[in-house]
């Protein structure tokens, strides 16, 4: 069985994945606070949801939703 190829990542996606690897499972507001630079709430929301669609990030069904990395650093390197 072949391993699914990880899509090419943008700098912003890589920044979010690094934050998720460090912080673990986070809500949107926690993700915004954990970013190393000032990023708007809706920007984080949009990026995380696009990354969920790409299979890079998992979103829980709980309220508030929690986001976590679906790929490891080894998968990306």
Protein backbone atom coordinates (compact mmCIF):
# COMPACT_ATOMS: atom_id res chain seq x y z
CA UNK A 1 0.00 0.00 0.00
CA UNK A 2 1.44 3.37 -1.02
CA UNK A 3 1.52 6.19 1.46
CA UNK A 4 -0.54 9.23 0.50
CA UNK A 5 1.69 12.02 -0.73
CA UNK A 6 1.59 15.20 1.36
CA UNK A 7 0.73 18.19 -0.85
CA UNK A 8 3.25 21.01 -1.27
CA UNK A 9 2.79 23.41 1.64
CA UNK A 10 2.71 27.19 1.60
CA UNK A 11 4.73 29.16 4.16
CA UNK A 12 1.48 29.98 6.01
CA UNK A 13 0.43 26.33 6.15
CA UNK A 14 3.86 25.35 7.43
CA UNK A 15 3.65 28.06 10.10
CA UNK A 16 0.27 26.70 11.28
CA UNK A 17 1.48 23.09 11.29
CA UNK A 18 4.53 24.05 13.36
CA UNK A 19 2.24 25.80 15.83
CA UNK A 20 -0.03 22.71 16.02
CA UNK A 21 2.93 20.35 16.52
CA UNK A 22 4.08 22.52 19.42
CA UNK A 23 0.68 23.35 20.97
CA UNK A 24 -1.20 20.11 20.28
CA UNK A 25 -5.00 20.28 20.04
CA UNK A 26 -6.28 23.88 20.06
CA UNK A 27 -9.46 25.88 19.53
CA UNK A 28 -9.50 28.76 17.04
CA UNK A 29 -8.84 31.38 19.72
CA UNK A 30 -6.03 29.27 21.22
CA UNK A 31 -4.54 28.84 17.73
CA UNK A 32 -4.62 32.59 17.17
CA UNK A 33 -2.88 33.21 20.51
CA UNK A 34 -0.27 30.49 19.85
CA UNK A 35 0.84 32.01 16.54
CA UNK A 36 4.27 33.65 16.73
CA UNK A 37 2.98 36.77 14.93
CA UNK A 38 -0.25 38.75 14.92
CA UNK A 39 -2.74 36.96 12.64
CA UNK A 40 -6.45 37.75 12.44
CA UNK A 41 -9.02 35.32 13.87
CA UNK A 42 -10.83 34.87 10.55
CA UNK A 43 -7.51 34.34 8.73
CA UNK A 44 -6.64 31.50 11.12
CA UNK A 45 -10.16 30.08 10.73
CA UNK A 46 -9.97 30.14 6.92
CA UNK A 47 -6.48 28.61 6.82
CA UNK A 48 -7.32 25.86 9.30
CA UNK A 49 -10.52 24.94 7.45
CA UNK A 50 -8.67 24.80 4.10
CA UNK A 51 -6.02 22.62 5.71
CA UNK A 52 -8.76 20.30 7.02
CA UNK A 53 -10.04 19.95 3.43
CA UNK A 54 -6.49 19.09 2.27
CA UNK A 55 -6.14 16.45 5.01
CA UNK A 56 -3.33 18.30 6.80
CA UNK A 57 -5.35 19.17 9.93
CA UNK A 58 -8.10 17.37 11.87
CA UNK A 59 -11.13 19.18 13.32
CA UNK A 60 -13.10 17.68 16.21
CA UNK A 61 -16.90 17.57 16.21
CA UNK A 62 -17.07 19.09 19.69
CA UNK A 63 -18.03 22.70 20.38
CA UNK A 64 -15.85 24.68 20.27
CA UNK A 65 -14.05 22.72 17.58
CA UNK A 66 -10.49 21.67 18.35
CA UNK A 67 -7.84 21.50 15.63
CA UNK A 68 -4.80 19.22 15.56
CA UNK A 69 -2.16 18.29 12.99
CA UNK A 70 -3.11 15.30 10.83
CA UNK A 71 0.43 14.96 9.49
CA UNK A 72 3.68 14.63 11.37
CA UNK A 73 6.82 16.66 10.89
CA UNK A 74 8.40 13.53 9.36
CA UNK A 75 5.58 13.35 6.75
CA UNK A 76 6.28 16.93 5.70
CA UNK A 77 10.08 16.90 5.60
